[in-house]
Amino acid sequence: MNISQYKTKIASRYMPVDPEQIGLKIIEAEYYYTSVKHDGYFAALEVKNGIATLFDRNGNPLEIKAIANAAKDIKEDVVFAGEICLFKEGKSTNNREVKAALDEPDKFDLRFGVFDVIAYKGEEASIGLKEKIELMKSLAVSKEVFAIEQTFMESRKDIIAFYKAIAGKEEGAVVRSADGIIYKIKPSITLDLVVLGYALSSGEDEILRELLLGVAKDKADFQIVTKCGNG
């Protein structure tokens, strides 16, 4: 199972959309499925012959007992794509907290939110979007392995209303179109940052690898904000 290949294939279908441009950038389609965007950690869950295995984005196995044990109840051979989410007080947290929790998964409420079917019964899942949604809802039914709630919508007006209802409460929204395009709706924030340092890759070809970024507080006073990879 080539997880990175799936990621590349699906990523090419994602289109970022500013909330103010929902009616302009989202192309008219027969229907849409819209969901709250979970800020988790991408992974794939394979269930084969009653054995469940969780893989990270690079195809390496992950051991999260609560998710693996719940997935054993799935009676069909299937490969799901989804997000490993960390829940606190019944609400999904952010990606940064998820990554930290992965070091000691047994101490945290980690769950797997399913958003796609990669394979079903040993073959690539080539079924339509509606069929995939129903399949996920029928198989991913536990607390630890759940189908992310996706609401059927017929117009872009419905999507605008949905986003207005979650704005400020959730990270954003994901819209899956009947035409196969996936839209990610998130507000954009622009920052003017100063390059404070950089790192080059080792070897003969020194390629820029990372930037250290900050804000200028005064002429000779800077506040470090973040580091940024070249991707």
C-alpha atoms as a PDB file:
ATOM      1  CA  MET A   1       0.000   0.000   0.000  1.00  0.00           C
ATOM      2  CA  ASN A   2       1.654   3.256  -1.169  1.00  0.00           C
ATOM      3  CA  ILE A   3       0.376   5.930   1.223  1.00  0.00           C
ATOM      4  CA  SER A   4       2.575   8.688  -0.190  1.00  0.00           C
ATOM      5  CA  GLN A   5       1.228   7.954  -3.684  1.00  0.00           C
ATOM      6  CA  TYR A   6      -2.327   8.306  -2.385  1.00  0.00           C
ATOM      7  CA  LYS A   7      -1.412  11.575  -0.669  1.00  0.00           C
ATOM      8  CA  THR A   8       0.048  12.967  -3.894  1.00  0.00           C
ATOM      9  CA  LYS A   9      -2.980  11.897  -5.899  1.00  0.00           C
ATOM     10  CA  ILE A  10      -5.510  13.378  -3.474  1.00  0.00           C
ATOM     11  CA  ALA A  11      -3.492  16.531  -2.758  1.00  0.00           C
ATOM     12  CA  SER A  12      -3.704  17.394  -6.463  1.00  0.00           C
ATOM     13  CA  ARG A  13      -7.496  17.543  -6.091  1.00  0.00           C
ATOM     14  CA  TYR A  14      -7.483  19.945  -3.134  1.00  0.00           C
ATOM     15  CA  MET A  15      -8.235  23.588  -3.800  1.00  0.00           C
ATOM     16  CA  PRO A  16      -7.798  26.210  -1.055  1.00  0.00           C
ATOM     17  CA  VAL A  17     -10.738  28.594  -0.788  1.00  0.00           C
ATOM     18  CA  ASP A  18     -10.982  31.801   1.216  1.00  0.00           C
ATOM     19  CA  PRO A  19     -14.336  32.047   3.056  1.00  0.00           C
ATOM     20  CA  GLU A  20     -15.166  35.224   1.135  1.00  0.00           C
ATOM     21  CA  GLN A  21     -14.762  33.395  -2.197  1.00  0.00           C
ATOM     22  CA  ILE A  22     -16.893  30.299  -1.623  1.00  0.00           C
ATOM     23  CA  GLY A  23     -19.424  31.343  -4.256  1.00  0.00           C
ATOM     24  CA  LEU A  24     -16.686  32.225  -6.754  1.00  0.00           C
ATOM     25  CA  LYS A  25     -14.072  29.485  -6.410  1.00  0.00           C
ATOM     26  CA  ILE A  26     -16.273  26.471  -5.736  1.00  0.00           C
ATOM     27  CA  ILE A  27     -17.488  25.217  -9.102  1.00  0.00           C
ATOM     28  CA  GLU A  28     -21.168  24.440  -9.510  1.00  0.00           C
ATOM     29  CA  ALA A  29     -21.804  20.693  -9.245  1.00  0.00           C
ATOM     30  CA  GLU A  30     -24.691  18.253  -8.902  1.00  0.00           C
ATOM     31  CA  TYR A  31     -24.105  17.961  -5.156  1.00  0.00           C
ATOM     32  CA  TYR A  32     -21.533  18.381  -2.391  1.00  0.00           C
ATOM     33  CA  TYR A  33     -20.627  16.787   0.936  1.00  0.00           C
ATOM     34  CA  THR A  34     -19.380  19.285   3.516  1.00  0.00           C
ATOM     35  CA  SER A  35     -17.665  18.556   6.822  1.00  0.00           C
ATOM     36  CA  VAL A  36     -15.827  20.322   9.613  1.00  0.00           C
ATOM     37  CA  LYS A  37     -12.062  20.207   9.046  1.00  0.00           C
ATOM     38  CA  HIS A  38     -10.297  18.181  11.748  1.00  0.00           C
ATOM     39  CA  ASP A  39      -6.787  19.439  12.444  1.00  0.00           C
ATOM     40  CA  GLY A  40      -5.213  16.024  12.891  1.00  0.00           C
ATOM     41  CA  TYR A  41      -2.420  13.805  11.600  1.00  0.00           C
ATOM     42  CA  PHE A  42      -2.969  12.074   8.263  1.00  0.00           C
ATOM     43  CA  ALA A  43      -2.885   8.269   8.395  1.00  0.00           C
ATOM     44  CA  ALA A  44      -4.291   5.178   6.707  1.00  0.00           C
ATOM     45  CA  LEU A  45      -6.033   2.288   8.457  1.00  0.00           C
ATOM     46  CA  GLU A  46      -5.933  -1.174   6.891  1.00  0.00           C
ATOM     47  CA  VAL A  47      -8.204  -3.976   8.063  1.00  0.00           C
ATOM     48  CA  LYS A  48      -7.344  -7.339   6.504  1.00  0.00           C
ATOM     49  CA  ASN A  49      -8.529 -10.748   7.695  1.00  0.00           C
ATOM     50  CA  GLY A  50      -9.544  -9.214  11.013  1.00  0.00           C
ATOM     51  CA  ILE A  51      -6.128  -7.638  11.616  1.00  0.00           C
ATOM     52  CA  ALA A  52      -5.964  -3.839  11.827  1.00  0.00           C
ATOM     53  CA  THR A  53      -2.820  -1.848  11.005  1.00  0.00           C
ATOM     54  CA  LEU A  54      -2.408   1.913  11.182  1.00  0.00           C
ATOM     55  CA  PHE A  55       0.125   3.629   8.873  1.00  0.00           C
ATOM     56  CA  ASP A  56       1.546   7.141   8.914  1.00  0.00           C
ATOM     57  CA  ARG A  57       1.858   9.348   5.824  1.00  0.00           C
ATOM     58  CA  ASN A  58       5.124   7.599   4.852  1.00  0.00           C
ATOM     59  CA  GLY A  59       3.670   4.095   5.118  1.00  0.00           C
ATOM     60  CA  ASN A  60       5.306   3.290   8.465  1.00  0.00           C
ATOM     61  CA  PRO A  61       3.198   1.334  11.000  1.00  0.00           C
ATOM     62  CA  LEU A  62       1.823   3.254  13.976  1.00  0.00           C
ATOM     63  CA  GLU A  63       0.849   1.558  17.219  1.00  0.00           C
ATOM     64  CA  ILE A  64      -2.238   3.069  18.829  1.00  0.00           C
ATOM     65  CA  LYS A  65      -3.944   0.242  20.711  1.00  0.00           C
ATOM     66  CA  ALA A  66      -7.326   1.925  21.159  1.00  0.00           C
ATOM     67  CA  ILE A  67      -7.719   2.512  17.417  1.00  0.00           C
ATOM     68  CA  ALA A  68      -6.394  -0.929  16.411  1.00  0.00           C
ATOM     69  CA  ASN A  69      -8.650  -2.731  18.901  1.00  0.00           C
ATOM     70  CA  ALA A  70     -11.744  -0.845  17.726  1.00  0.00           C
ATOM     71  CA  ALA A  71     -10.910  -1.533  14.072  1.00  0.00           C
ATOM     72  CA  LYS A  72     -10.872  -5.305  14.706  1.00  0.00           C
ATOM     73  CA  ASP A  73     -14.674  -5.169  14.838  1.00  0.00           C
ATOM     74  CA  ILE A  74     -14.802  -4.164  11.168  1.00  0.00           C
ATOM     75  CA  LYS A  75     -15.738  -7.351   9.329  1.00  0.00           C
ATOM     76  CA  GLU A  76     -14.771  -6.301   5.791  1.00  0.00           C
ATOM     77  CA  ASP A  77     -11.288  -5.972   4.272  1.00  0.00           C
ATOM     78  CA  VAL A  78     -10.873  -2.239   3.771  1.00  0.00           C
ATOM     79  CA  VAL A  79      -8.270   0.536   3.692  1.00  0.00           C
ATOM     80  CA  PHE A  80      -9.401   3.920   5.019  1.00  0.00           C
ATOM     81  CA  ALA A  81      -7.763   7.322   4.746  1.00  0.00           C
ATOM     82  CA  GLY A  82      -8.317   9.647   7.652  1.00  0.00           C
ATOM     83  CA  GLU A  83      -7.037  11.845  10.442  1.00  0.00           C
ATOM     84  CA  ILE A  84      -5.683  10.773  13.796  1.00  0.00           C
ATOM     85  CA  CYS A  85      -7.415  13.235  16.119  1.00  0.00           C
ATOM     86  CA  LEU A  86      -6.851  14.058  19.765  1.00  0.00           C
ATOM     87  CA  PHE A  87     -10.036  14.680  21.728  1.00  0.00           C
ATOM     88  CA  LYS A  88     -10.288  16.707  24.931  1.00  0.00           C
ATOM     89  CA  GLU A  89     -13.636  17.212  26.636  1.00  0.00           C
ATOM     90  CA  GLY A  90     -15.366  15.760  23.580  1.00  0.00           C
ATOM     91  CA  LYS A  91     -13.776  18.158  21.076  1.00  0.00           C
ATOM     92  CA  SER A  92     -11.016  17.591  18.533  1.00  0.00           C
ATOM     93  CA  THR A  93      -7.842  19.601  19.236  1.00  0.00           C
ATOM     94  CA  ASN A  94      -5.038  20.732  16.925  1.00  0.00           C
ATOM     95  CA  ASN A  95      -2.298  19.036  14.910  1.00  0.00           C
ATOM     96  CA  ARG A  96       0.458  20.147  17.280  1.00  0.00           C
ATOM     97  CA  GLU A  97      -1.179  18.420  20.255  1.00  0.00           C
ATOM     98  CA  VAL A  98      -1.818  15.281  18.202  1.00  0.00           C
ATOM     99  CA  LYS A  99       1.859  14.949  17.287  1.00  0.00           C
ATOM    100  CA  ALA A 100       2.864  15.327  20.931  1.00  0.00           C
ATOM    101  CA  ALA A 101       0.305  12.706  22.032  1.00  0.00           C
ATOM    102  CA  LEU A 102       1.660  10.164  19.531  1.00  0.00           C
ATOM    103  CA  ASP A 103       4.751   9.751  21.727  1.00  0.00           C
ATOM    104  CA  GLU A 104       2.569   8.281  24.510  1.00  0.00           C
ATOM    105  CA  PRO A 105      -0.684   7.270  22.758  1.00  0.00           C
ATOM    106  CA  ASP A 106      -2.046   5.174  25.639  1.00  0.00           C
ATOM    107  CA  LYS A 107      -2.293   8.289  27.824  1.00  0.00           C
ATOM    108  CA  PHE A 108      -4.524  10.250  25.441  1.00  0.00           C
ATOM    109  CA  ASP A 109      -7.926  10.011  23.752  1.00  0.00           C
ATOM    110  CA  LEU A 110      -6.712   9.430  20.202  1.00  0.00           C
ATOM    111  CA  ARG A 111      -9.280   8.535  17.555  1.00  0.00           C
ATOM    112  CA  PHE A 112      -9.263   7.889  13.812  1.00  0.00           C
ATOM    113  CA  GLY A 113     -11.651  10.026  11.756  1.00  0.00           C
ATOM    114  CA  VAL A 114     -12.332   8.381   8.374  1.00  0.00           C
ATOM    115  CA  PHE A 115     -12.788  10.636   5.332  1.00  0.00           C
ATOM    116  CA  ASP A 116     -12.067   8.341   2.359  1.00  0.00           C
ATOM    117  CA  VAL A 117     -11.968   4.708   1.230  1.00  0.00           C
ATOM    118  CA  ILE A 118      -8.726   3.776  -0.538  1.00  0.00           C
ATOM    119  CA  ALA A 119      -9.466   0.078  -1.100  1.00  0.00           C
ATOM    120  CA  TYR A 120     -12.359  -2.274  -0.442  1.00  0.00           C
ATOM    121  CA  LYS A 121     -12.319  -6.081  -0.463  1.00  0.00           C
ATOM    122  CA  GLY A 122      -8.789  -6.154  -1.856  1.00  0.00           C
ATOM    123  CA  GLU A 123      -9.375  -3.791  -4.786  1.00  0.00           C
ATOM    124  CA  GLU A 124      -9.031  -0.057  -5.313  1.00  0.00           C
ATOM    125  CA  ALA A 125     -12.249   1.681  -4.292  1.00  0.00           C
ATOM    126  CA  SER A 126     -13.576   3.061  -7.581  1.00  0.00           C
ATOM    127  CA  ILE A 127     -17.126   3.645  -6.329  1.00  0.00           C
ATOM    128  CA  GLY A 128     -18.803   7.062  -6.393  1.00  0.00           C
ATOM    129  CA  LEU A 129     -18.730   9.652  -3.642  1.00  0.00           C
ATOM    130  CA  LYS A 130     -22.218   8.847  -2.318  1.00  0.00           C
ATOM    131  CA  GLU A 131     -21.386   5.152  -2.129  1.00  0.00           C
ATOM    132  CA  LYS A 132     -18.113   5.892  -0.306  1.00  0.00           C
ATOM    133  CA  ILE A 133     -19.912   8.051   2.252  1.00  0.00           C
ATOM    134  CA  GLU A 134     -22.439   5.284   2.948  1.00  0.00           C
ATOM    135  CA  LEU A 135     -19.684   2.649   3.160  1.00  0.00           C
ATOM    136  CA  MET A 136     -17.716   4.704   5.679  1.00  0.00           C
ATOM    137  CA  LYS A 137     -20.841   5.301   7.759  1.00  0.00           C
ATOM    138  CA  SER A 138     -21.650   1.574   7.800  1.00  0.00           C
ATOM    139  CA  LEU A 139     -18.153   0.352   8.741  1.00  0.00           C
ATOM    140  CA  ALA A 140     -16.589   3.091  10.906  1.00  0.00           C
ATOM    141  CA  VAL A 141     -19.103   3.156  13.750  1.00  0.00           C
ATOM    142  CA  SER A 142     -17.083   3.121  16.988  1.00  0.00           C
ATOM    143  CA  LYS A 143     -15.906   6.028  19.123  1.00  0.00           C
ATOM    144  CA  GLU A 144     -12.260   5.331  18.264  1.00  0.00           C
ATOM    145  CA  VAL A 145     -12.814   4.721  14.531  1.00  0.00           C
ATOM    146  CA  PHE A 146     -15.546   6.998  13.255  1.00  0.00           C
ATOM    147  CA  ALA A 147     -16.728   8.358   9.924  1.00  0.00           C
ATOM    148  CA  ILE A 148     -16.293  12.136   9.893  1.00  0.00           C
ATOM    149  CA  GLU A 149     -19.779  13.620   9.600  1.00  0.00           C
ATOM    150  CA  GLN A 150     -20.360  14.852   6.054  1.00  0.00           C
ATOM    151  CA  THR A 151     -23.515  16.806   5.236  1.00  0.00           C
ATOM    152  CA  PHE A 152     -25.178  16.451   1.839  1.00  0.00           C
ATOM    153  CA  MET A 153     -25.695  19.813   0.100  1.00  0.00           C
ATOM    154  CA  GLU A 154     -27.163  20.795  -3.242  1.00  0.00           C
ATOM    155  CA  SER A 155     -25.897  24.361  -3.635  1.00  0.00           C
ATOM    156  CA  ARG A 156     -23.076  26.724  -2.799  1.00  0.00           C
ATOM    157  CA  LYS A 157     -25.535  28.761  -0.713  1.00  0.00           C
ATOM    158  CA  ASP A 158     -25.782  25.772   1.634  1.00  0.00           C
ATOM    159  CA  ILE A 159     -21.971  25.686   1.904  1.00  0.00           C
ATOM    160  CA  ILE A 160     -21.826  29.410   2.717  1.00  0.00           C
ATOM    161  CA  ALA A 161     -24.457  28.962   5.451  1.00  0.00           C
ATOM    162  CA  PHE A 162     -22.562  25.951   6.853  1.00  0.00           C
ATOM    163  CA  TYR A 163     -19.303  27.867   7.035  1.00  0.00           C
ATOM    164  CA  LYS A 164     -20.913  30.892   8.685  1.00  0.00           C
ATOM    165  CA  ALA A 165     -22.282  28.587  11.401  1.00  0.00           C
ATOM    166  CA  ILE A 166     -18.825  27.161  12.251  1.00  0.00           C
ATOM    167  CA  ALA A 167     -16.681  30.276  11.654  1.00  0.00           C
ATOM    168  CA  GLY A 168     -14.608  31.078  14.710  1.00  0.00           C
ATOM    169  CA  LYS A 169     -15.474  27.733  16.317  1.00  0.00           C
ATOM    170  CA  GLU A 170     -13.672  25.299  14.009  1.00  0.00           C
ATOM    171  CA  GLU A 171     -10.460  25.410  11.967  1.00  0.00           C
ATOM    172  CA  GLY A 172     -12.348  25.350   8.681  1.00  0.00           C
ATOM    173  CA  ALA A 173     -14.446  23.167   6.380  1.00  0.00           C
ATOM    174  CA  VAL A 174     -13.833  20.546   3.697  1.00  0.00           C
ATOM    175  CA  VAL A 175     -16.140  20.305   0.687  1.00  0.00           C
ATOM    176  CA  ARG A 176     -16.182  17.236  -1.547  1.00  0.00           C
ATOM    177  CA  SER A 177     -17.778  17.843  -4.924  1.00  0.00           C
ATOM    178  CA  ALA A 178     -19.657  15.313  -7.051  1.00  0.00           C
ATOM    179  CA  ASP A 179     -17.082  16.162  -9.746  1.00  0.00           C
ATOM    180  CA  GLY A 180     -14.207  14.829  -7.617  1.00  0.00           C
ATOM    181  CA  ILE A 181     -12.760  18.203  -6.601  1.00  0.00           C
ATOM    182  CA  ILE A 182     -12.061  18.721  -2.898  1.00  0.00           C
ATOM    183  CA  TYR A 183     -12.136  22.232  -1.448  1.00  0.00           C
ATOM    184  CA  LYS A 184     -10.527  23.291   1.819  1.00  0.00           C
ATOM    185  CA  ILE A 185     -12.108  26.446   3.250  1.00  0.00           C
ATOM    186  CA  LYS A 186      -9.914  28.318   5.724  1.00  0.00           C
ATOM    187  CA  PRO A 187      -9.351  31.985   6.507  1.00  0.00           C
ATOM    188  CA  SER A 188      -5.947  33.219   5.375  1.00  0.00           C
ATOM    189  CA  ILE A 189      -3.649  35.311   7.562  1.00  0.00           C
ATOM    190  CA  THR A 190      -0.742  37.289   6.083  1.00  0.00           C
ATOM    191  CA  LEU A 191       2.387  38.054   8.114  1.00  0.00           C
ATOM    192  CA  ASP A 192       5.491  40.025   7.131  1.00  0.00           C
ATOM    193  CA  LEU A 193       8.372  38.044   8.625  1.00  0.00           C
ATOM    194  CA  VAL A 194      12.134  38.497   8.685  1.00  0.00           C
ATOM    195  CA  VAL A 195      14.557  35.708   7.784  1.00  0.00           C
ATOM    196  CA  LEU A 196      16.749  35.309  10.874  1.00  0.00           C
ATOM    197  CA  GLY A 197      18.638  32.219   9.797  1.00  0.00           C
ATOM    198  CA  TYR A 198      18.726  29.302   7.393  1.00  0.00           C
ATOM    199  CA  ALA A 199      19.925  25.716   7.086  1.00  0.00           C
ATOM    200  CA  LEU A 200      21.320  23.946   4.034  1.00  0.00           C
ATOM    201  CA  SER A 201      21.154  20.259   3.201  1.00  0.00           C
ATOM    202  CA  SER A 202      24.337  18.242   3.553  1.00  0.00           C
ATOM    203  CA  GLY A 203      26.216  16.985   0.519  1.00  0.00           C
ATOM    204  CA  GLU A 204      27.738  18.518  -2.587  1.00  0.00           C
ATOM    205  CA  ASP A 205      24.518  20.246  -3.633  1.00  0.00           C
ATOM    206  CA  GLU A 206      23.711  22.599  -0.780  1.00  0.00           C
ATOM    207  CA  ILE A 207      19.954  23.049  -1.095  1.00  0.00           C
ATOM    208  CA  LEU A 208      18.022  25.423   1.119  1.00  0.00           C
ATOM    209  CA  ARG A 209      16.290  23.245   3.732  1.00  0.00           C
ATOM    210  CA  GLU A 210      14.819  25.494   6.427  1.00  0.00           C
ATOM    211  CA  LEU A 211      14.313  29.152   7.286  1.00  0.00           C
ATOM    212  CA  LEU A 212      14.135  30.636  10.771  1.00  0.00           C
ATOM    213  CA  LEU A 213      11.533  33.411  10.733  1.00  0.00           C
ATOM    214  CA  GLY A 214      10.626  36.204  13.118  1.00  0.00           C
ATOM    215  CA  VAL A 215       9.109  39.660  13.474  1.00  0.00           C
ATOM    216  CA  ALA A 216      11.041  42.924  13.839  1.00  0.00           C
ATOM    217  CA  LYS A 217      10.190  44.540  17.168  1.00  0.00           C
ATOM    218  CA  ASP A 218      12.828  47.275  16.935  1.00  0.00           C
ATOM    219  CA  LYS A 219      15.879  48.061  14.811  1.00  0.00           C
ATOM    220  CA  ALA A 220      18.012  45.392  16.441  1.00  0.00           C
ATOM    221  CA  ASP A 221      15.348  43.456  18.315  1.00  0.00           C
ATOM    222  CA  PHE A 222      13.575  40.440  16.815  1.00  0.00           C
ATOM    223  CA  GLN A 223      11.058  37.903  18.092  1.00  0.00           C
ATOM    224  CA  ILE A 224      11.411  34.366  16.725  1.00  0.00           C
ATOM    225  CA  VAL A 225       8.076  33.098  15.374  1.00  0.00           C
ATOM    226  CA  THR A 226       8.694  29.790  13.607  1.00  0.00           C
ATOM    227  CA  LYS A 227      10.844  27.730  11.293  1.00  0.00           C
ATOM    228  CA  CYS A 228       9.705  26.920   7.784  1.00  0.00           C
ATOM    229  CA  GLY A 229      10.657  23.960   5.591  1.00  0.00           C
ATOM    230  CA  ASN A 230      11.353  24.440   1.906  1.00  0.00           C
ATOM    231  CA  GLY A 231       8.205  22.497   0.959  1.00  0.00           C
END
